């Protein structure tokens, strides 16, 4: 597992938490930020996977 995979996984988890907090407090802005962070994490993890499989 390389650093992009690790960072991507962390961003995915942080985004999920942020999204759930946004839902809990009724903040669409926080939900959107969380969703964006999850996507960013997914992309970064995918880059890490591609590097790993070269």
PDB file of N, CA and C in Angstrom:
ATOM      1  N   UNK A   1       0.856  -1.177   0.000  1.00  0.00           N
ATOM      2  CA  UNK A   1       0.000   0.000   0.000  1.00  0.00           C
ATOM      3  C   UNK A   1       0.901   1.239   0.000  1.00  0.00           C
ATOM      4  N   UNK A   2       0.655   2.133  -0.955  1.00  0.00           N
ATOM      5  CA  UNK A   2       1.480   3.334  -1.043  1.00  0.00           C
ATOM      6  C   UNK A   2       0.772   4.531  -0.408  1.00  0.00           C
ATOM      7  N   UNK A   3       1.472   5.668  -0.380  1.00  0.00           N
ATOM      8  CA  UNK A   3       0.934   6.829   0.341  1.00  0.00           C
ATOM      9  C   UNK A   3      -0.337   7.385  -0.300  1.00  0.00           C
ATOM     10  N   UNK A   4      -0.470   7.282  -1.625  1.00  0.00           N
ATOM     11  CA  UNK A   4      -1.700   7.762  -2.264  1.00  0.00           C
ATOM     12  C   UNK A   4      -2.897   6.905  -1.853  1.00  0.00           C
ATOM     13  N   UNK A   5      -2.689   5.618  -1.732  1.00  0.00           N
ATOM     14  CA  UNK A   5      -3.769   4.737  -1.293  1.00  0.00           C
ATOM     15  C   UNK A   5      -4.178   5.063   0.142  1.00  0.00           C
ATOM     16  N   UNK A   6      -3.196   5.288   0.999  1.00  0.00           N
ATOM     17  CA  UNK A   6      -3.479   5.603   2.403  1.00  0.00           C
ATOM     18  C   UNK A   6      -4.186   6.952   2.516  1.00  0.00           C
ATOM     19  N   UNK A   7      -3.634   7.972   1.862  1.00  0.00           N
ATOM     20  CA  UNK A   7      -4.248   9.303   1.921  1.00  0.00           C
ATOM     21  C   UNK A   7      -5.654   9.287   1.329  1.00  0.00           C
ATOM     22  N   UNK A   8      -5.832   8.541   0.256  1.00  0.00           N
ATOM     23  CA  UNK A   8      -7.147   8.439  -0.361  1.00  0.00           C
ATOM     24  C   UNK A   8      -8.156   7.807   0.578  1.00  0.00           C
ATOM     25  N   UNK A   9      -7.746   6.756   1.263  1.00  0.00           N
ATOM     26  CA  UNK A   9      -8.636   6.092   2.221  1.00  0.00           C
ATOM     27  C   UNK A   9      -9.001   7.023   3.371  1.00  0.00           C
ATOM     28  N   UNK A  10      -8.029   7.788   3.836  1.00  0.00           N
ATOM     29  CA  UNK A  10      -8.281   8.736   4.930  1.00  0.00           C
ATOM     30  C   UNK A  10      -9.259   9.818   4.475  1.00  0.00           C
ATOM     31  N   UNK A  11      -9.065  10.339   3.263  1.00  0.00           N
ATOM     32  CA  UNK A  11      -9.976  11.373   2.747  1.00  0.00           C
ATOM     33  C   UNK A  11     -11.390  10.820   2.575  1.00  0.00           C
ATOM     34  N   UNK A  12     -11.489   9.571   2.126  1.00  0.00           N
ATOM     35  CA  UNK A  12     -12.809   8.961   1.982  1.00  0.00           C
ATOM     36  C   UNK A  12     -13.507   8.889   3.336  1.00  0.00           C
ATOM     37  N   UNK A  13     -12.787   8.430   4.351  1.00  0.00           N
ATOM     38  CA  UNK A  13     -13.371   8.304   5.687  1.00  0.00           C
ATOM     39  C   UNK A  13     -13.744   9.669   6.255  1.00  0.00           C
ATOM     40  N   UNK A  14     -12.855  10.639   6.104  1.00  0.00           N
ATOM     41  CA  UNK A  14     -13.125  11.985   6.619  1.00  0.00           C
ATOM     42  C   UNK A  14     -14.325  12.602   5.905  1.00  0.00           C
ATOM     43  N   UNK A  15     -14.421  12.374   4.621  1.00  0.00           N
ATOM     44  CA  UNK A  15     -15.550  12.890   3.856  1.00  0.00           C
ATOM     45  C   UNK A  15     -16.862  12.273   4.295  1.00  0.00           C
ATOM     46  N   UNK A  16     -16.819  10.981   4.576  1.00  0.00           N
ATOM     47  CA  UNK A  16     -18.036  10.297   5.039  1.00  0.00           C
ATOM     48  C   UNK A  16     -18.490  10.862   6.378  1.00  0.00           C
ATOM     49  N   UNK A  17     -17.531  11.079   7.280  1.00  0.00           N
ATOM     50  CA  UNK A  17     -17.857  11.660   8.589  1.00  0.00           C
ATOM     51  C   UNK A  17     -18.441  13.058   8.407  1.00  0.00           C
ATOM     52  N   UNK A  18     -17.788  13.878   7.589  1.00  0.00           N
ATOM     53  CA  UNK A  18     -18.255  15.250   7.364  1.00  0.00           C
ATOM     54  C   UNK A  18     -19.659  15.248   6.757  1.00  0.00           C
ATOM     55  N   UNK A  19     -19.896  14.330   5.847  1.00  0.00           N
ATOM     56  CA  UNK A  19     -21.205  14.234   5.214  1.00  0.00           C
ATOM     57  C   UNK A  19     -22.270  13.853   6.243  1.00  0.00           C
ATOM     58  N   UNK A  20     -21.973  12.893   7.110  1.00  0.00           N
ATOM     59  CA  UNK A  20     -22.931  12.460   8.134  1.00  0.00           C
ATOM     60  C   UNK A  20     -23.187  13.562   9.156  1.00  0.00           C
ATOM     61  N   UNK A  21     -22.149  14.311   9.526  1.00  0.00           N
ATOM     62  CA  UNK A  21     -22.330  15.436  10.446  1.00  0.00           C
ATOM     63  C   UNK A  21     -23.236  16.480   9.796  1.00  0.00           C
ATOM     64  N   UNK A  22     -23.013  16.745   8.531  1.00  0.00           N
ATOM     65  CA  UNK A  22     -23.860  17.686   7.803  1.00  0.00           C
ATOM     66  C   UNK A  22     -25.318  17.251   7.800  1.00  0.00           C
ATOM     67  N   UNK A  23     -25.539  15.952   7.613  1.00  0.00           N
ATOM     68  CA  UNK A  23     -26.905  15.423   7.659  1.00  0.00           C
ATOM     69  C   UNK A  23     -27.503  15.608   9.051  1.00  0.00           C
ATOM     70  N   UNK A  24     -26.708  15.328  10.073  1.00  0.00           N
ATOM     71  CA  UNK A  24     -27.194  15.399  11.452  1.00  0.00           C
ATOM     72  C   UNK A  24     -27.595  16.819  11.850  1.00  0.00           C
ATOM     73  N   UNK A  25     -26.838  17.801  11.381  1.00  0.00           N
ATOM     74  CA  UNK A  25     -27.133  19.186  11.756  1.00  0.00           C
ATOM     75  C   UNK A  25     -27.962  19.913  10.696  1.00  0.00           C
ATOM     76  N   UNK A  26     -28.282  19.218   9.613  1.00  0.00           N
ATOM     77  CA  UNK A  26     -29.107  19.813   8.570  1.00  0.00           C
ATOM     78  C   UNK A  26     -28.383  20.810   7.689  1.00  0.00           C
ATOM     79  N   UNK A  27     -27.081  20.613   7.508  1.00  0.00           N
ATOM     80  CA  UNK A  27     -26.290  21.536   6.695  1.00  0.00           C
ATOM     81  C   UNK A  27     -25.978  20.907   5.333  1.00  0.00           C
ATOM     82  N   UNK A  28     -26.653  21.400   4.308  1.00  0.00           N
ATOM     83  CA  UNK A  28     -26.393  20.895   2.960  1.00  0.00           C
ATOM     84  C   UNK A  28     -24.976  21.229   2.506  1.00  0.00           C
ATOM     85  N   UNK A  29     -24.453  22.359   2.976  1.00  0.00           N
ATOM     86  CA  UNK A  29     -23.089  22.767   2.618  1.00  0.00           C
ATOM     87  C   UNK A  29     -22.073  21.741   3.135  1.00  0.00           C
ATOM     88  N   UNK A  30     -22.232  21.314   4.385  1.00  0.00           N
ATOM     89  CA  UNK A  30     -21.316  20.323   4.955  1.00  0.00           C
ATOM     90  C   UNK A  30     -21.478  18.968   4.270  1.00  0.00           C
ATOM     91  N   UNK A  31     -22.709  18.631   3.921  1.00  0.00           N
ATOM     92  CA  UNK A  31     -22.949  17.381   3.201  1.00  0.00           C
ATOM     93  C   UNK A  31     -22.226  17.398   1.855  1.00  0.00           C
ATOM     94  N   UNK A  32     -22.322  18.517   1.159  1.00  0.00           N
ATOM     95  CA  UNK A  32     -21.677  18.649  -0.150  1.00  0.00           C
ATOM     96  C   UNK A  32     -20.160  18.607  -0.026  1.00  0.00           C
ATOM     97  N   UNK A  33     -19.625  19.284   0.991  1.00  0.00           N
ATOM     98  CA  UNK A  33     -18.175  19.259   1.207  1.00  0.00           C
ATOM     99  C   UNK A  33     -17.707  17.838   1.509  1.00  0.00           C
ATOM    100  N   UNK A  34     -18.472  17.137   2.319  1.00  0.00           N
ATOM    101  CA  UNK A  34     -18.128  15.754   2.650  1.00  0.00           C
ATOM    102  C   UNK A  34     -18.161  14.855   1.427  1.00  0.00           C
ATOM    103  N   UNK A  35     -19.179  15.027   0.607  1.00  0.00           N
ATOM    104  CA  UNK A  35     -19.285  14.225  -0.612  1.00  0.00           C
ATOM    105  C   UNK A  35     -18.115  14.512  -1.549  1.00  0.00           C
ATOM    106  N   UNK A  36     -17.742  15.780  -1.660  1.00  0.00           N
ATOM    107  CA  UNK A  36     -16.612  16.157  -2.515  1.00  0.00           C
ATOM    108  C   UNK A  36     -15.311  15.553  -1.997  1.00  0.00           C
ATOM    109  N   UNK A  37     -15.141  15.556  -0.682  1.00  0.00           N
ATOM    110  CA  UNK A  37     -13.929  14.986  -0.092  1.00  0.00           C
ATOM    111  C   UNK A  37     -13.875  13.475  -0.335  1.00  0.00           C
ATOM    112  N   UNK A  38     -15.031  12.820  -0.270  1.00  0.00           N
ATOM    113  CA  UNK A  38     -15.076  11.378  -0.540  1.00  0.00           C
ATOM    114  C   UNK A  38     -14.655  11.088  -1.976  1.00  0.00           C
ATOM    115  N   UNK A  39     -15.139  11.901  -2.916  1.00  0.00           N
ATOM    116  CA  UNK A  39     -14.776  11.722  -4.325  1.00  0.00           C
ATOM    117  C   UNK A  39     -13.282  11.957  -4.508  1.00  0.00           C
ATOM    118  N   UNK A  40     -12.773  13.003  -3.876  1.00  0.00           N
ATOM    119  CA  UNK A  40     -11.332  13.295  -3.951  1.00  0.00           C
ATOM    120  C   UNK A  40     -10.522  12.109  -3.423  1.00  0.00           C
ATOM    121  N   UNK A  41     -10.973  11.540  -2.326  1.00  0.00           N
ATOM    122  CA  UNK A  41     -10.294  10.378  -1.756  1.00  0.00           C
ATOM    123  C   UNK A  41     -10.348   9.176  -2.674  1.00  0.00           C
ATOM    124  N   UNK A  42     -11.485   8.974  -3.311  1.00  0.00           N
ATOM    125  CA  UNK A  42     -11.635   7.855  -4.241  1.00  0.00           C
ATOM    126  C   UNK A  42     -10.678   8.002  -5.416  1.00  0.00           C
ATOM    127  N   UNK A  43     -10.571   9.221  -5.934  1.00  0.00           N
ATOM    128  CA  UNK A  43      -9.661   9.480  -7.056  1.00  0.00           C
ATOM    129  C   UNK A  43      -8.216   9.248  -6.626  1.00  0.00           C
ATOM    130  N   UNK A  44      -7.843   9.787  -5.467  1.00  0.00           N
ATOM    131  CA  UNK A  44      -6.462   9.632  -5.004  1.00  0.00           C
ATOM    132  C   UNK A  44      -6.138   8.160  -4.753  1.00  0.00           C
ATOM    133  N   UNK A  45      -7.080   7.435  -4.192  1.00  0.00           N
ATOM    134  CA  UNK A  45      -6.865   6.010  -3.949  1.00  0.00           C
ATOM    135  C   UNK A  45      -6.711   5.269  -5.277  1.00  0.00           C
ATOM    136  N   UNK A  46      -7.499   5.659  -6.275  1.00  0.00           N
ATOM    137  CA  UNK A  46      -7.386   5.056  -7.603  1.00  0.00           C
ATOM    138  C   UNK A  46      -6.030   5.312  -8.232  1.00  0.00           C
ATOM    139  N   UNK A  47      -5.510   6.514  -8.041  1.00  0.00           N
ATOM    140  CA  UNK A  47      -4.166   6.837  -8.537  1.00  0.00           C
ATOM    141  C   UNK A  47      -3.139   5.949  -7.846  1.00  0.00           C
ATOM    142  N   UNK A  48      -3.296   5.795  -6.542  1.00  0.00           N
ATOM    143  CA  UNK A  48      -2.389   4.920  -5.795  1.00  0.00           C
ATOM    144  C   UNK A  48      -2.461   3.485  -6.280  1.00  0.00           C
ATOM    145  N   UNK A  49      -3.670   3.019  -6.565  1.00  0.00           N
ATOM    146  CA  UNK A  49      -3.836   1.653  -7.075  1.00  0.00           C
ATOM    147  C   UNK A  49      -3.147   1.497  -8.426  1.00  0.00           C
ATOM    148  N   UNK A  50      -3.280   2.508  -9.278  1.00  0.00           N
ATOM    149  CA  UNK A  50      -2.649   2.461 -10.595  1.00  0.00           C
ATOM    150  C   UNK A  50      -1.129   2.416 -10.465  1.00  0.00           C
ATOM    151  N   UNK A  51      -0.590   3.209  -9.542  1.00  0.00           N
ATOM    152  CA  UNK A  51       0.861   3.205  -9.318  1.00  0.00           C
ATOM    153  C   UNK A  51       1.321   1.844  -8.815  1.00  0.00           C
ATOM    154  N   UNK A  52       0.526   1.251  -7.952  1.00  0.00           N
ATOM    155  CA  UNK A  52       0.869  -0.038  -7.349  1.00  0.00           C
ATOM    156  C   UNK A  52       0.882  -1.154  -8.402  1.00  0.00           C
ATOM    157  N   UNK A  53       0.007  -1.032  -9.388  1.00  0.00           N
ATOM    158  CA  UNK A  53      -0.154  -2.099 -10.379  1.00  0.00           C
ATOM    159  C   UNK A  53       0.708  -1.929 -11.624  1.00  0.00           C
ATOM    160  N   UNK A  54       1.616  -0.979 -11.626  1.00  0.00           N
ATOM    161  CA  UNK A  54       2.482  -0.780 -12.796  1.00  0.00           C
ATOM    162  C   UNK A  54       3.457  -1.896 -12.933  1.00  0.00           C
TER     163      UNK A  54
END
